[in-house]
Amino acid sequence: MSFWNEGYTILSETKTDNEITTVARTDGGATIICREPIHTSEEESEMLSDFALACAQMMFPDKDLSHIKRIRVICNENR
């Protein structure tokens, strides 16, 4: 599955040690530059953990989640 939806043409994609830079143009003529940082697996794991905790806090704002050992986020992409 591509990040880019219909209505875009990817003009270039460049990868360096630190990031992936994608340049695209919309069908309306706007140019988009997307810089995606490249993270280590440890950084990715920490970010996903923080994201899962934030999701749980939004769903259960009145619960004390400090003693929770595991949080699972299920995303249904096929709406």
Protein backbone atom coordinates (compact mmCIF):
# COMPACT_ATOMS: atom_id res chain seq x y z
CA MET A 1 0.00 0.00 0.00
CA SER A 2 1.40 3.37 -0.98
CA PHE A 3 1.38 6.46 1.22
CA TRP A 4 0.43 8.53 -1.81
CA ASN A 5 -3.22 8.53 -2.82
CA GLU A 6 -4.54 9.03 -6.31
CA GLY A 7 -4.15 12.60 -7.49
CA TYR A 8 -0.38 12.72 -6.99
CA THR A 9 2.61 12.06 -9.22
CA ILE A 10 5.88 11.23 -7.50
CA LEU A 11 8.63 13.26 -9.16
CA SER A 12 11.60 11.92 -7.18
CA GLU A 13 12.58 9.95 -4.12
CA THR A 14 16.01 10.35 -2.51
CA LYS A 15 17.39 8.32 0.39
CA THR A 16 20.25 9.46 2.61
CA ASP A 17 21.57 8.02 5.87
CA ASN A 18 19.17 10.21 7.85
CA GLU A 19 15.98 10.56 5.78
CA ILE A 20 13.94 9.73 2.71
CA THR A 21 12.87 12.79 0.73
CA THR A 22 9.95 12.43 -1.67
CA VAL A 23 8.95 15.18 -4.07
CA ALA A 24 5.47 14.91 -5.58
CA ARG A 25 3.06 17.06 -7.55
CA THR A 26 -0.70 17.06 -7.14
CA ASP A 27 -3.03 16.99 -10.11
CA GLY A 28 -3.81 20.61 -9.21
CA GLY A 29 -0.14 21.59 -9.69
CA ALA A 30 1.02 21.95 -6.06
CA THR A 31 4.48 20.59 -5.28
CA ILE A 32 4.90 18.59 -2.07
CA ILE A 33 8.20 17.79 -0.37
CA CYS A 34 7.95 15.06 2.27
CA ARG A 35 10.98 14.39 4.50
CA GLU A 36 10.69 11.12 6.42
CA PRO A 37 13.36 10.55 9.08
CA ILE A 38 15.00 7.13 9.21
CA HIS A 39 14.93 5.74 12.75
CA THR A 40 16.69 2.84 14.41
CA SER A 41 14.56 -0.11 15.45
CA GLU A 42 14.92 1.00 19.07
CA GLU A 43 13.64 4.49 18.21
CA GLU A 44 10.74 2.99 16.24
CA SER A 45 9.84 0.75 19.17
CA GLU A 46 9.86 3.67 21.61
CA MET A 47 7.70 5.82 19.31
CA LEU A 48 5.17 3.03 18.82
CA SER A 49 5.05 2.44 22.56
CA ASP A 50 4.40 6.15 23.18
CA PHE A 51 1.69 6.10 20.48
CA ALA A 52 -0.05 3.07 22.03
CA LEU A 53 -0.04 4.73 25.45
CA ALA A 54 -1.47 7.95 23.99
CA CYS A 55 -4.25 5.94 22.27
CA ALA A 56 -5.09 4.17 25.53
CA GLN A 57 -5.14 7.49 27.40
CA MET A 58 -7.59 8.94 24.86
CA MET A 59 -9.86 5.90 25.08
CA PHE A 60 -9.72 5.62 28.89
CA PRO A 61 -8.98 9.13 30.24
CA ASP A 62 -10.16 8.30 33.78
CA LYS A 63 -8.04 5.12 34.16
CA ASP A 64 -4.63 4.96 35.82
CA LEU A 65 -2.51 3.27 33.15
CA SER A 66 0.78 3.44 35.05
CA HIS A 67 0.58 -0.25 36.04
CA ILE A 68 -0.44 -1.58 32.62
CA LYS A 69 2.22 -3.93 31.20
CA ARG A 70 0.94 -4.24 27.65
CA ILE A 71 -1.29 -2.16 25.36
CA ARG A 72 -2.42 -3.44 21.98
CA VAL A 73 -3.71 -1.04 19.32
CA ILE A 74 -5.78 -2.66 16.59
CA CYS A 75 -6.22 -0.66 13.38
CA ASN A 76 -8.83 -1.66 10.84
CA GLU A 77 -7.56 -0.39 7.49
CA ASN A 78 -10.44 -1.95 5.55
CA ARG A 79 -13.27 0.40 6.48
